[in-house]
Amino acid sequence: MSRKLGDILVGWGAISPAELQHCLAMQAQEPPRRRRRLGRILLDEERVTEITLARALAESHGLQAVDLSQEEIDPDLARSIPQLVAKRALVLPLQIQDGTLRIAAADPVDVVGLDDVRLHVLRKHKGVRVQVVVAPESQLRRRLASTWSEANAVEALEGFDDAAVTTVVEEEASGSDEGAVSAVHQIMAMAIRLGASDIHVEPLASEVRVRMRVDGTLRKVMVLPKSGQAPLTSRIKIIANIDIAQRRVPQDGRARISLDGVSRNIRVSTLPTLHGEKVVIRLLTDIGELPALSALGIPPEGLSIIHEALRSSQGLVLITGPTGSGKTTTLYSAIHEIVTGERNLITLEEPVEIELPGVSQVQIDEKVGMTFAAGLRSVLRQDPDIIMVGEIRDKVTADLAIRAALTGHLVLATVHTIDAPSAVIRLVDMGVPRYLIASSLNLVIAQRLVRRPCQYCIQPQVPDPETRQRLQLSQEQSLAMVVGRGCEKCEAHGYRGRTGVFEVLPVTKDVRAALMSGGDEATLAAAARASGWKPLIESGVDVAVRRQTTAAELLRVLLAGTL
């Protein structure tokens, strides 16, 4: 028997009984033909997040909720129904496995829409059972758009090679405006198809090299003629509203582009080099692609600790790791889960990567004096409940963040250290008194990103003796290791996608005592061990044993530079 959506959300503490009654009253006042569903009203009123709503809808109807950012989708199956039908009903066929067709839907009670999908899919796949799962609406819209965009991009890039872009770039160099426009379009389409996070357009002495960062590593994808450098650079600068006449100083710009039906926010940076302006295009994550915390790779025991810290009304939560370790994604995922209409959340970021609905986001600009410290002082006068500080860089910012955490605010922040215990000592080194750190700090999360072995070409591989020794692998762990041998699906790289390796250090009574007694990183780590804390390398081995990464990746990411 299904349970009512509102009762589930109240039971979870996601909304209060008063909020539920308010939204039901709004619903009752709307004309019957245009009456919104309760879930839509809750989203429009910013009472719940899409992720929470999807889970509650699934619970209400006894279904499974899924995070589409972590789902393997069969593109041919997804396109087996007409695009208009899929978009109208907001449904997406995911895959057929063991005779069961899984269909993701935003509204599991849209009988007409689901029947439409069943009709089209079952014409080609007779006799399969249908399993409906629930996904957040924006994720569905995003994956539907990218599914059809990828088909268009692949068709446009059929037979694509350096010569194809060379031709259009040379056309632009000879006076055709369409040349560089087409070249940029093809480059961007390829980046989206590969899932790249950055595009590097690099002028060399006699050519222009284009590389893309995929799964954290750079790949050379094409080489263009030197004659096309200026028009290509100018076209990108025009898109990002950057001064094309200024070539001697670095410049930055932003834009929202639409490519084959998919909209993306991009950030463009130019840098004068010996052979011309280098351009880097960052493809920013969209809110619809933001994964849930549970999909980042955090182990269940660590996830419960994090959720408990995020429910606190005050205290400091630190996330640490080097550049490119996924700290910002973890912060955004955490914020997206705790945003409600009852809490005032303000962020200080440099730069703002993702626009979060219902959140006041502040862009740091040190050129005009808007530093993290100055911004934090102002934010404290804005009656915040939750504050996110993009980075704690100095004693002033650290003091302000800790003062806020001690005076009734939940503060989320990042620092740059190698692991969780050293993040605590970094605050001490900045000059923050130990007793203030011990009183305010609730949790430290350290993380890295490692590549996943391609699931289409995965195979067992026992590491060599040196690797086993460096990772301190047992015989059983060694036998569980895998590797991707390389195939068409992963462009012969052996990897597809990334996951996180996390160490979650709750600041327990023992950790506070070690900190107050003047303990160093090793002392704090020993105290944390007593509470079940695992260092990054051990967490990484657990991830590899689950076939989510490889021994080689652990060496590259976690032990690079160590003996």
Foldseek 3Di string as FASTA:
>chain_A
DFDDLVVLCCVVVLAPPVVLVVLVVVQVPDDPVPRDDSLVSQVVQQSAFLQVSQCSQCRRVVAAADQVLQAQADLVLQVLAPLVLCVVQLKGFRDADPLETEMEGQHPPPVVSVVSSCVSNCVPVPPGHYGYGYYRSLLSVQVSQLSQLLVVLCVVCPVPAQVVLQVLLVVVLVPDLVSLVVSVLNVVSVCSNQVFFKWKFAFDDFWTWIWTQHLRRIDTGYIYGPSSPLSNVLVVCVQFVHDSVDWAAKDKGWHWDAHSNHIWIKIWIWDQDPRGIMIMIGTFDEPSSQGALVQQLDDPVLVVLVVVLLPDQFFEEEEEEAPPFCSVSNVVNSCSRPGRPVFAEEEEDQDDRYDDPNHHYHGADPVVPRHLLNVLVVVVVVPGREYEYAADDALSNLVSQLVRRQPRHYYYYYYYDHWFLVVLVVNVVRPDDLVSCLRGHFKYKYKGKFFAFPPVQKDFDQDDPVLCVVLVPDPLLSRLAIWGCADPVNNGPRTHHIHMQMWMFGCDPQLSVCSNVPHGSVSSVVSSVVVVTDIRSVSVSVCRSVRGHGSVRCCVIPVPPHD
